[in-house]
Amino acid sequence: MSGFIQQLINGIHVGSIYALIALGYTMVYGIVKLINFAHGDILMMGAYFGLFSITVLHLPFGLAIVVAMAACALVGMLIDVIAYKPLRNAPRISALITALGVSLFLENFFRVIFGAEPKKMPNIPSLEGGFVLGTIKLSYVTVLTVILSIVFMVALQFVVKKTKVGKAMRAVSEDKEAARLMGVNVNKTISITFALGSALGALGGVLYSVAYYQVEPYMGIMPGLKAFVAAVLGGIGIIPGAMLGGFVMGLIESLSKGYISSSWSNAIVFGILILVLLFKPSGILGKNVREKV
């Protein structure tokens, strides 16, 4: 029983990181109907910015998180303005190819700057150790990851539902042209959406690198793909769905590694995506919407 509880704890830990990344996917898709496949690389950049802040600038861990989130928010806005804004009225396949191109550019750019050799995230003294209850271990890193994830998810939901910026986001999501006629700055709203999603991705990247210690240019590929599956599973475009999908994906991955096979866990995760697309393409919390052709 204790082994099962430990696997649940591990699943919640990694699931909270997937949920943070999935929020970026779902926010961008909800407004511009674009799958930003470069979003996984925001996680990678967040890890590098966090590493740089700690090892070069010698900032405390909390401030390093803030710097990483702010830097990635700016990068997210630049990606939108430079790569995606010119393609908002283009066919979706063009936007998809551009997203993949941006992803490859970011990975290879950071490889040239920092090298292909993985960097080690230093130990954070305040996060060493944890709670031990019998044979169950709950590290401080896990506790911090889950708490920060939940806090920022709730904060994002508040921003979207209760603030002027959030109302503008929902208006643009419903009808861009009508929102523009009502005085909403559509381009600015979309850029803010990219910034918020990228900041959350950066937070996920720092927490991921602290948990697994390594930082390298391609580290965002697999977590990014799994977070995309989580967003689809929960209902892409729906913020609570991204949260739910992230935690479900983390639990499935952890239990698969613990009770089936670590080599099969990825196949199981992506098999779930196929099943969701076949039987409930709108996701757990999504609703089927008919479109006129």
C-alpha atoms as a PDB file:
ATOM      1  CA  MET A   1       0.000   0.000   0.000  1.00  0.00           C
ATOM      2  CA  SER A   2       2.819   2.388   0.855  1.00  0.00           C
ATOM      3  CA  GLY A   3       4.351   1.751  -2.568  1.00  0.00           C
ATOM      4  CA  PHE A   4       1.085   2.718  -4.244  1.00  0.00           C
ATOM      5  CA  ILE A   5       0.852   5.931  -2.197  1.00  0.00           C
ATOM      6  CA  GLN A   6       4.457   6.764  -3.123  1.00  0.00           C
ATOM      7  CA  GLN A   7       3.612   6.344  -6.809  1.00  0.00           C
ATOM      8  CA  LEU A   8       0.602   8.628  -6.366  1.00  0.00           C
ATOM      9  CA  ILE A   9       2.825  11.279  -4.779  1.00  0.00           C
ATOM     10  CA  ASN A  10       5.310  10.988  -7.646  1.00  0.00           C
ATOM     11  CA  GLY A  11       2.444  11.233 -10.143  1.00  0.00           C
ATOM     12  CA  ILE A  12       1.027  14.363  -8.543  1.00  0.00           C
ATOM     13  CA  HIS A  13       4.502  15.900  -8.557  1.00  0.00           C
ATOM     14  CA  VAL A  14       5.184  15.418 -12.267  1.00  0.00           C
ATOM     15  CA  GLY A  15       1.511  15.980 -13.101  1.00  0.00           C
ATOM     16  CA  SER A  16       1.593  19.448 -11.586  1.00  0.00           C
ATOM     17  CA  ILE A  17       4.471  20.335 -13.939  1.00  0.00           C
ATOM     18  CA  TYR A  18       2.571  18.929 -16.933  1.00  0.00           C
ATOM     19  CA  ALA A  19      -0.437  20.978 -15.858  1.00  0.00           C
ATOM     20  CA  LEU A  20       1.599  24.212 -15.840  1.00  0.00           C
ATOM     21  CA  ILE A  21       2.877  23.534 -19.354  1.00  0.00           C
ATOM     22  CA  ALA A  22      -0.553  22.401 -20.569  1.00  0.00           C
ATOM     23  CA  LEU A  23      -2.010  25.734 -19.471  1.00  0.00           C
ATOM     24  CA  GLY A  24       0.190  27.463 -22.035  1.00  0.00           C
ATOM     25  CA  TYR A  25      -1.058  25.199 -24.799  1.00  0.00           C
ATOM     26  CA  THR A  26      -4.684  25.608 -23.837  1.00  0.00           C
ATOM     27  CA  MET A  27      -4.559  29.406 -23.410  1.00  0.00           C
ATOM     28  CA  VAL A  28      -3.020  29.975 -26.857  1.00  0.00           C
ATOM     29  CA  TYR A  29      -5.350  27.505 -28.527  1.00  0.00           C
ATOM     30  CA  GLY A  30      -8.373  28.977 -26.787  1.00  0.00           C
ATOM     31  CA  ILE A  31      -7.679  32.403 -28.291  1.00  0.00           C
ATOM     32  CA  VAL A  32      -5.915  31.920 -31.648  1.00  0.00           C
ATOM     33  CA  LYS A  33      -6.824  28.260 -32.332  1.00  0.00           C
ATOM     34  CA  LEU A  34      -3.132  27.480 -32.753  1.00  0.00           C
ATOM     35  CA  ILE A  35      -1.153  24.605 -31.250  1.00  0.00           C
ATOM     36  CA  ASN A  36       2.093  26.247 -30.183  1.00  0.00           C
ATOM     37  CA  PHE A  37       4.463  23.287 -30.410  1.00  0.00           C
ATOM     38  CA  ALA A  38       7.338  25.567 -29.429  1.00  0.00           C
ATOM     39  CA  HIS A  39       5.834  25.761 -25.951  1.00  0.00           C
ATOM     40  CA  GLY A  40       7.808  22.768 -24.688  1.00  0.00           C
ATOM     41  CA  ASP A  41      10.969  24.712 -25.458  1.00  0.00           C
ATOM     42  CA  ILE A  42       9.753  27.508 -23.174  1.00  0.00           C
ATOM     43  CA  LEU A  43      10.201  24.962 -20.374  1.00  0.00           C
ATOM     44  CA  MET A  44      13.790  24.442 -21.550  1.00  0.00           C
ATOM     45  CA  MET A  45      14.477  28.181 -21.668  1.00  0.00           C
ATOM     46  CA  GLY A  46      12.966  28.661 -18.227  1.00  0.00           C
ATOM     47  CA  ALA A  47      15.341  26.019 -16.866  1.00  0.00           C
ATOM     48  CA  TYR A  48      18.338  27.734 -18.490  1.00  0.00           C
ATOM     49  CA  PHE A  49      17.292  31.180 -17.252  1.00  0.00           C
ATOM     50  CA  GLY A  50      16.825  29.755 -13.764  1.00  0.00           C
ATOM     51  CA  LEU A  51      20.210  28.035 -13.901  1.00  0.00           C
ATOM     52  CA  PHE A  52      21.890  31.247 -15.117  1.00  0.00           C
ATOM     53  CA  SER A  53      20.225  33.295 -12.380  1.00  0.00           C
ATOM     54  CA  ILE A  54      21.396  30.918  -9.643  1.00  0.00           C
ATOM     55  CA  THR A  55      24.928  30.088 -10.832  1.00  0.00           C
ATOM     56  CA  VAL A  56      26.006  33.324 -12.562  1.00  0.00           C
ATOM     57  CA  LEU A  57      23.909  36.079 -10.969  1.00  0.00           C
ATOM     58  CA  HIS A  58      23.898  34.245  -7.598  1.00  0.00           C
ATOM     59  CA  LEU A  59      20.268  35.093  -7.000  1.00  0.00           C
ATOM     60  CA  PRO A  60      18.226  33.267  -4.351  1.00  0.00           C
ATOM     61  CA  PHE A  61      15.992  30.515  -5.684  1.00  0.00           C
ATOM     62  CA  GLY A  62      12.734  32.463  -5.338  1.00  0.00           C
ATOM     63  CA  LEU A  63      14.102  35.444  -7.242  1.00  0.00           C
ATOM     64  CA  ALA A  64      15.578  33.119  -9.883  1.00  0.00           C
ATOM     65  CA  ILE A  65      12.064  31.793 -10.538  1.00  0.00           C
ATOM     66  CA  VAL A  66      10.773  35.350 -10.984  1.00  0.00           C
ATOM     67  CA  VAL A  67      13.600  36.205 -13.416  1.00  0.00           C
ATOM     68  CA  ALA A  68      13.017  33.021 -15.436  1.00  0.00           C
ATOM     69  CA  MET A  69       9.272  33.669 -15.655  1.00  0.00           C
ATOM     70  CA  ALA A  70       9.767  37.314 -16.678  1.00  0.00           C
ATOM     71  CA  ALA A  71      12.392  36.425 -19.302  1.00  0.00           C
ATOM     72  CA  CYS A  72      10.224  33.682 -20.819  1.00  0.00           C
ATOM     73  CA  ALA A  73       7.194  35.967 -20.816  1.00  0.00           C
ATOM     74  CA  LEU A  74       9.166  38.421 -22.970  1.00  0.00           C
ATOM     75  CA  VAL A  75      10.360  35.594 -25.233  1.00  0.00           C
ATOM     76  CA  GLY A  76       6.788  34.352 -25.590  1.00  0.00           C
ATOM     77  CA  MET A  77       5.635  37.817 -26.683  1.00  0.00           C
ATOM     78  CA  LEU A  78       8.510  38.038 -29.180  1.00  0.00           C
ATOM     79  CA  ILE A  79       7.629  34.626 -30.612  1.00  0.00           C
ATOM     80  CA  ASP A  80       4.052  35.788 -31.096  1.00  0.00           C
ATOM     81  CA  VAL A  81       5.006  39.093 -32.758  1.00  0.00           C
ATOM     82  CA  ILE A  82       7.761  37.704 -34.991  1.00  0.00           C
ATOM     83  CA  ALA A  83       6.489  34.232 -35.905  1.00  0.00           C
ATOM     84  CA  TYR A  84       2.748  33.899 -35.314  1.00  0.00           C
ATOM     85  CA  LYS A  85       1.227  37.341 -35.794  1.00  0.00           C
ATOM     86  CA  PRO A  86       1.879  37.375 -39.581  1.00  0.00           C
ATOM     87  CA  LEU A  87       0.149  33.981 -39.873  1.00  0.00           C
ATOM     88  CA  ARG A  88      -3.058  34.616 -37.930  1.00  0.00           C
ATOM     89  CA  ASN A  89      -5.163  34.580 -41.091  1.00  0.00           C
ATOM     90  CA  ALA A  90      -3.049  31.972 -42.868  1.00  0.00           C
ATOM     91  CA  PRO A  91      -4.015  28.266 -43.214  1.00  0.00           C
ATOM     92  CA  ARG A  92      -3.477  26.296 -40.016  1.00  0.00           C
ATOM     93  CA  ILE A  93      -0.890  24.062 -41.669  1.00  0.00           C
ATOM     94  CA  SER A  94       1.308  27.143 -42.209  1.00  0.00           C
ATOM     95  CA  ALA A  95       1.037  28.065 -38.544  1.00  0.00           C
ATOM     96  CA  LEU A  96       1.838  24.467 -37.548  1.00  0.00           C
ATOM     97  CA  ILE A  97       4.955  24.374 -39.743  1.00  0.00           C
ATOM     98  CA  THR A  98       6.025  27.741 -38.300  1.00  0.00           C
ATOM     99  CA  ALA A  99       5.552  26.449 -34.739  1.00  0.00           C
ATOM    100  CA  LEU A 100       7.756  23.439 -35.481  1.00  0.00           C
ATOM    101  CA  GLY A 101      10.331  25.742 -37.088  1.00  0.00           C
ATOM    102  CA  VAL A 102      10.390  28.000 -34.032  1.00  0.00           C
ATOM    103  CA  SER A 103      10.857  24.934 -31.830  1.00  0.00           C
ATOM    104  CA  LEU A 104      13.840  23.694 -33.858  1.00  0.00           C
ATOM    105  CA  PHE A 105      15.363  27.184 -33.897  1.00  0.00           C
ATOM    106  CA  LEU A 106      15.135  27.598 -30.111  1.00  0.00           C
ATOM    107  CA  GLU A 107      16.588  24.149 -29.409  1.00  0.00           C
ATOM    108  CA  ASN A 108      19.550  24.631 -31.728  1.00  0.00           C
ATOM    109  CA  PHE A 109      20.102  28.246 -30.668  1.00  0.00           C
ATOM    110  CA  PHE A 110      20.442  27.200 -27.026  1.00  0.00           C
ATOM    111  CA  ARG A 111      22.639  24.291 -28.104  1.00  0.00           C
ATOM    112  CA  VAL A 112      25.011  26.721 -29.826  1.00  0.00           C
ATOM    113  CA  ILE A 113      24.994  29.123 -26.845  1.00  0.00           C
ATOM    114  CA  PHE A 114      25.288  26.608 -23.988  1.00  0.00           C
ATOM    115  CA  GLY A 115      26.551  23.471 -25.749  1.00  0.00           C
ATOM    116  CA  ALA A 116      24.934  20.053 -26.072  1.00  0.00           C
ATOM    117  CA  GLU A 117      26.391  18.785 -22.802  1.00  0.00           C
ATOM    118  CA  PRO A 118      23.763  18.691 -20.020  1.00  0.00           C
ATOM    119  CA  LYS A 119      24.250  21.228 -17.236  1.00  0.00           C
ATOM    120  CA  LYS A 120      23.583  20.326 -13.630  1.00  0.00           C
ATOM    121  CA  MET A 121      21.114  22.399 -11.683  1.00  0.00           C
ATOM    122  CA  PRO A 122      22.768  23.055  -8.304  1.00  0.00           C
ATOM    123  CA  ASN A 123      21.229  21.740  -5.131  1.00  0.00           C
ATOM    124  CA  ILE A 124      18.935  24.225  -3.414  1.00  0.00           C
ATOM    125  CA  PRO A 125      19.796  23.967   0.313  1.00  0.00           C
ATOM    126  CA  SER A 126      16.321  24.966   1.471  1.00  0.00           C
ATOM    127  CA  LEU A 127      14.778  22.185  -0.635  1.00  0.00           C
ATOM    128  CA  GLU A 128      17.011  19.337   0.483  1.00  0.00           C
ATOM    129  CA  GLY A 129      15.338  16.616   2.496  1.00  0.00           C
ATOM    130  CA  GLY A 130      11.648  16.194   3.155  1.00  0.00           C
ATOM    131  CA  PHE A 131       9.059  14.377   5.208  1.00  0.00           C
ATOM    132  CA  VAL A 132       9.269  10.655   5.930  1.00  0.00           C
ATOM    133  CA  LEU A 133       6.193   8.752   7.076  1.00  0.00           C
ATOM    134  CA  GLY A 134       7.192   5.125   7.440  1.00  0.00           C
ATOM    135  CA  THR A 135       8.294   4.048   3.967  1.00  0.00           C
ATOM    136  CA  ILE A 136       6.648   7.037   2.263  1.00  0.00           C
ATOM    137  CA  LYS A 137       8.904   9.926   1.290  1.00  0.00           C
ATOM    138  CA  LEU A 138       7.610  13.396   0.506  1.00  0.00           C
ATOM    139  CA  SER A 139      10.402  15.711  -0.569  1.00  0.00           C
ATOM    140  CA  TYR A 140      10.352  19.464  -0.099  1.00  0.00           C
ATOM    141  CA  VAL A 141      10.738  19.810  -3.875  1.00  0.00           C
ATOM    142  CA  THR A 142       7.508  17.878  -4.397  1.00  0.00           C
ATOM    143  CA  VAL A 143       5.647  19.969  -1.822  1.00  0.00           C
ATOM    144  CA  LEU A 144       6.905  23.232  -3.327  1.00  0.00           C
ATOM    145  CA  THR A 145       6.089  22.109  -6.879  1.00  0.00           C
ATOM    146  CA  VAL A 146       2.520  21.134  -6.056  1.00  0.00           C
ATOM    147  CA  ILE A 147       1.862  24.257  -3.964  1.00  0.00           C
ATOM    148  CA  LEU A 148       3.268  26.662  -6.568  1.00  0.00           C
ATOM    149  CA  SER A 149       1.407  24.888  -9.358  1.00  0.00           C
ATOM    150  CA  ILE A 150      -1.928  25.109  -7.577  1.00  0.00           C
ATOM    151  CA  VAL A 151      -1.364  28.750  -6.533  1.00  0.00           C
ATOM    152  CA  PHE A 152      -0.516  29.878 -10.060  1.00  0.00           C
ATOM    153  CA  MET A 153      -3.338  27.849 -11.598  1.00  0.00           C
ATOM    154  CA  VAL A 154      -5.854  29.464  -9.246  1.00  0.00           C
ATOM    155  CA  ALA A 155      -4.303  32.888  -9.924  1.00  0.00           C
ATOM    156  CA  LEU A 156      -4.605  32.331 -13.675  1.00  0.00           C
ATOM    157  CA  GLN A 157      -8.233  31.322 -13.330  1.00  0.00           C
ATOM    158  CA  PHE A 158      -8.841  34.498 -11.324  1.00  0.00           C
ATOM    159  CA  VAL A 159      -7.144  36.636 -13.988  1.00  0.00           C
ATOM    160  CA  VAL A 160      -9.202  35.084 -16.785  1.00  0.00           C
ATOM    161  CA  LYS A 161     -12.538  35.263 -14.960  1.00  0.00           C
ATOM    162  CA  LYS A 162     -12.311  38.447 -12.877  1.00  0.00           C
ATOM    163  CA  THR A 163      -9.972  40.959 -14.506  1.00  0.00           C
ATOM    164  CA  LYS A 164     -10.269  43.321 -17.446  1.00  0.00           C
ATOM    165  CA  VAL A 165      -7.454  41.512 -19.274  1.00  0.00           C
ATOM    166  CA  GLY A 166      -9.211  38.204 -18.707  1.00  0.00           C
ATOM    167  CA  LYS A 167     -12.477  39.573 -20.077  1.00  0.00           C
ATOM    168  CA  ALA A 168     -10.590  40.756 -23.164  1.00  0.00           C
ATOM    169  CA  MET A 169      -9.097  37.268 -23.574  1.00  0.00           C
ATOM    170  CA  ARG A 170     -12.521  35.655 -23.389  1.00  0.00           C
ATOM    171  CA  ALA A 171     -13.937  38.175 -25.834  1.00  0.00           C
ATOM    172  CA  VAL A 172     -11.152  37.531 -28.360  1.00  0.00           C
ATOM    173  CA  SER A 173     -11.621  33.792 -27.900  1.00  0.00           C
ATOM    174  CA  GLU A 174     -15.325  34.071 -28.705  1.00  0.00           C
ATOM    175  CA  ASP A 175     -15.099  36.406 -31.700  1.00  0.00           C
ATOM    176  CA  LYS A 176     -12.024  38.422 -32.663  1.00  0.00           C
ATOM    177  CA  GLU A 177     -13.825  40.795 -35.002  1.00  0.00           C
ATOM    178  CA  ALA A 178     -16.627  41.541 -32.546  1.00  0.00           C
ATOM    179  CA  ALA A 179     -14.042  42.090 -29.781  1.00  0.00           C
ATOM    180  CA  ARG A 180     -12.140  44.508 -32.028  1.00  0.00           C
ATOM    181  CA  LEU A 181     -15.343  46.442 -32.742  1.00  0.00           C
ATOM    182  CA  MET A 182     -15.967  46.700 -28.999  1.00  0.00           C
ATOM    183  CA  GLY A 183     -12.582  48.393 -28.525  1.00  0.00           C
ATOM    184  CA  VAL A 184     -10.476  45.382 -27.491  1.00  0.00           C
ATOM    185  CA  ASN A 185      -6.869  45.517 -28.667  1.00  0.00           C
ATOM    186  CA  VAL A 186      -6.738  41.996 -30.128  1.00  0.00           C
ATOM    187  CA  ASN A 187      -2.997  41.912 -30.866  1.00  0.00           C
ATOM    188  CA  LYS A 188      -2.118  43.132 -27.384  1.00  0.00           C
ATOM    189  CA  THR A 189      -4.482  40.602 -25.798  1.00  0.00           C
ATOM    190  CA  ILE A 190      -2.947  37.736 -27.754  1.00  0.00           C
ATOM    191  CA  SER A 191       0.575  38.869 -26.799  1.00  0.00           C
ATOM    192  CA  ILE A 192      -0.436  38.955 -23.120  1.00  0.00           C
ATOM    193  CA  THR A 193      -1.810  35.432 -23.498  1.00  0.00           C
ATOM    194  CA  PHE A 194       1.520  34.230 -24.887  1.00  0.00           C
ATOM    195  CA  ALA A 195       3.320  36.016 -22.049  1.00  0.00           C
ATOM    196  CA  LEU A 196       1.209  34.403 -19.313  1.00  0.00           C
ATOM    197  CA  GLY A 197       1.447  30.945 -20.856  1.00  0.00           C
ATOM    198  CA  SER A 198       5.209  31.282 -21.314  1.00  0.00           C
ATOM    199  CA  ALA A 199       5.691  32.464 -17.718  1.00  0.00           C
ATOM    200  CA  LEU A 200       3.891  29.361 -16.455  1.00  0.00           C
ATOM    201  CA  GLY A 201       5.975  27.189 -18.779  1.00  0.00           C
ATOM    202  CA  ALA A 202       9.130  28.780 -17.331  1.00  0.00           C
ATOM    203  CA  LEU A 203       7.948  27.999 -13.812  1.00  0.00           C
ATOM    204  CA  GLY A 204       7.425  24.391 -14.884  1.00  0.00           C
ATOM    205  CA  GLY A 205      10.925  24.345 -16.401  1.00  0.00           C
ATOM    206  CA  VAL A 206      12.644  25.575 -13.240  1.00  0.00           C
ATOM    207  CA  LEU A 207      10.725  23.126 -11.045  1.00  0.00           C
ATOM    208  CA  TYR A 208      11.402  20.281 -13.494  1.00  0.00           C
ATOM    209  CA  SER A 209      15.138  20.990 -13.553  1.00  0.00           C
ATOM    210  CA  VAL A 210      15.291  21.207  -9.757  1.00  0.00           C
ATOM    211  CA  ALA A 211      13.573  17.811  -9.490  1.00  0.00           C
ATOM    212  CA  TYR A 212      15.662  16.071 -12.166  1.00  0.00           C
ATOM    213  CA  TYR A 213      18.852  18.186 -11.900  1.00  0.00           C
ATOM    214  CA  GLN A 214      19.764  18.251 -15.599  1.00  0.00           C
ATOM    215  CA  VAL A 215      19.337  21.162 -18.015  1.00  0.00           C
ATOM    216  CA  GLU A 216      19.937  20.583 -21.734  1.00  0.00           C
ATOM    217  CA  PRO A 217      18.652  22.009 -25.060  1.00  0.00           C
ATOM    218  CA  TYR A 218      16.248  19.186 -25.841  1.00  0.00           C
ATOM    219  CA  MET A 219      14.820  18.660 -22.372  1.00  0.00           C
ATOM    220  CA  GLY A 220      11.494  20.276 -23.275  1.00  0.00           C
ATOM    221  CA  ILE A 221      10.540  17.887 -26.086  1.00  0.00           C
ATOM    222  CA  MET A 222       9.051  14.992 -24.124  1.00  0.00           C
ATOM    223  CA  PRO A 223       7.459  17.024 -21.288  1.00  0.00           C
ATOM    224  CA  GLY A 224       6.054  19.358 -23.941  1.00  0.00           C
ATOM    225  CA  LEU A 225       4.473  16.477 -25.861  1.00  0.00           C
ATOM    226  CA  LYS A 226       3.049  14.966 -22.684  1.00  0.00           C
ATOM    227  CA  ALA A 227       1.656  18.342 -21.627  1.00  0.00           C
ATOM    228  CA  PHE A 228       0.010  18.616 -25.047  1.00  0.00           C
ATOM    229  CA  VAL A 229      -1.600  15.205 -24.477  1.00  0.00           C
ATOM    230  CA  ALA A 230      -2.724  16.466 -21.058  1.00  0.00           C
ATOM    231  CA  ALA A 231      -4.311  19.548 -22.634  1.00  0.00           C
ATOM    232  CA  VAL A 232      -6.166  17.413 -25.181  1.00  0.00           C
ATOM    233  CA  LEU A 233      -7.195  14.920 -22.504  1.00  0.00           C
ATOM    234  CA  GLY A 234      -8.670  17.608 -20.264  1.00  0.00           C
ATOM    235  CA  GLY A 235     -10.229  19.573 -23.116  1.00  0.00           C
ATOM    236  CA  ILE A 236      -7.919  21.915 -24.987  1.00  0.00           C
ATOM    237  CA  GLY A 237      -8.960  25.542 -24.667  1.00  0.00           C
ATOM    238  CA  ILE A 238     -10.375  24.939 -21.175  1.00  0.00           C
ATOM    239  CA  ILE A 239      -8.160  26.020 -18.261  1.00  0.00           C
ATOM    240  CA  PRO A 240      -9.577  23.598 -15.636  1.00  0.00           C
ATOM    241  CA  GLY A 241      -9.270  20.873 -18.269  1.00  0.00           C
ATOM    242  CA  ALA A 242      -5.536  21.546 -18.638  1.00  0.00           C
ATOM    243  CA  MET A 243      -5.102  21.256 -14.873  1.00  0.00           C
ATOM    244  CA  LEU A 244      -7.096  18.037 -14.698  1.00  0.00           C
ATOM    245  CA  GLY A 245      -5.353  16.560 -17.731  1.00  0.00           C
ATOM    246  CA  GLY A 246      -1.925  17.343 -16.301  1.00  0.00           C
ATOM    247  CA  PHE A 247      -2.586  15.588 -13.009  1.00  0.00           C
ATOM    248  CA  VAL A 248      -4.213  12.606 -14.733  1.00  0.00           C
ATOM    249  CA  MET A 249      -1.244  12.269 -17.104  1.00  0.00           C
ATOM    250  CA  GLY A 250       1.231  12.433 -14.223  1.00  0.00           C
ATOM    251  CA  LEU A 251      -0.621   9.747 -12.280  1.00  0.00           C
ATOM    252  CA  ILE A 252      -0.908   7.461 -15.310  1.00  0.00           C
ATOM    253  CA  GLU A 253       2.787   7.852 -16.106  1.00  0.00           C
ATOM    254  CA  SER A 254       3.867   7.202 -12.518  1.00  0.00           C
ATOM    255  CA  LEU A 255       1.624   4.161 -12.054  1.00  0.00           C
ATOM    256  CA  SER A 256       2.701   2.773 -15.449  1.00  0.00           C
ATOM    257  CA  LYS A 257       6.367   3.028 -14.460  1.00  0.00           C
ATOM    258  CA  GLY A 258       5.708   1.536 -11.044  1.00  0.00           C
ATOM    259  CA  TYR A 259       3.421  -1.364 -11.947  1.00  0.00           C
ATOM    260  CA  ILE A 260       3.835  -2.086 -15.662  1.00  0.00           C
ATOM    261  CA  SER A 261       7.176  -1.015 -17.153  1.00  0.00           C
ATOM    262  CA  SER A 262       9.162   2.197 -17.355  1.00  0.00           C
ATOM    263  CA  SER A 263       9.913   1.424 -21.009  1.00  0.00           C
ATOM    264  CA  TRP A 264       6.178   1.197 -21.750  1.00  0.00           C
ATOM    265  CA  SER A 265       5.087   4.337 -19.893  1.00  0.00           C
ATOM    266  CA  ASN A 266       5.524   6.679 -22.871  1.00  0.00           C
ATOM    267  CA  ALA A 267       3.666   4.297 -25.167  1.00  0.00           C
ATOM    268  CA  ILE A 268       0.789   4.182 -22.686  1.00  0.00           C
ATOM    269  CA  VAL A 269       0.707   7.967 -22.404  1.00  0.00           C
ATOM    270  CA  PHE A 270       0.533   8.503 -26.166  1.00  0.00           C
ATOM    271  CA  GLY A 271      -1.884   5.590 -26.526  1.00  0.00           C
ATOM    272  CA  ILE A 272      -4.235   7.558 -24.283  1.00  0.00           C
ATOM    273  CA  LEU A 273      -4.071  10.449 -26.769  1.00  0.00           C
ATOM    274  CA  ILE A 274      -5.187   8.108 -29.555  1.00  0.00           C
ATOM    275  CA  LEU A 275      -8.088   6.798 -27.459  1.00  0.00           C
ATOM    276  CA  VAL A 276      -9.192  10.309 -26.516  1.00  0.00           C
ATOM    277  CA  LEU A 277      -9.130  11.454 -30.143  1.00  0.00           C
ATOM    278  CA  LEU A 278     -11.116   8.385 -31.170  1.00  0.00           C
ATOM    279  CA  PHE A 279     -13.816   8.344 -28.496  1.00  0.00           C
ATOM    280  CA  LYS A 280     -13.956  11.860 -26.981  1.00  0.00           C
ATOM    281  CA  PRO A 281     -11.964  14.298 -29.110  1.00  0.00           C
ATOM    282  CA  SER A 282     -13.288  17.266 -27.125  1.00  0.00           C
ATOM    283  CA  GLY A 283     -11.596  15.952 -23.943  1.00  0.00           C
ATOM    284  CA  ILE A 284     -12.922  15.223 -20.460  1.00  0.00           C
ATOM    285  CA  LEU A 285     -14.306  18.709 -19.793  1.00  0.00           C
ATOM    286  CA  GLY A 286     -14.796  19.732 -23.427  1.00  0.00           C
ATOM    287  CA  LYS A 287     -18.062  19.909 -25.308  1.00  0.00           C
ATOM    288  CA  ASN A 288     -18.642  18.916 -28.892  1.00  0.00           C
ATOM    289  CA  VAL A 289     -19.267  22.008 -30.990  1.00  0.00           C
ATOM    290  CA  ARG A 290     -20.723  21.848 -34.467  1.00  0.00           C
ATOM    291  CA  GLU A 291     -19.187  24.074 -37.076  1.00  0.00           C
ATOM    292  CA  LYS A 292     -20.941  25.257 -40.210  1.00  0.00           C
ATOM    293  CA  VAL A 293     -19.013  24.568 -43.377  1.00  0.00           C
END
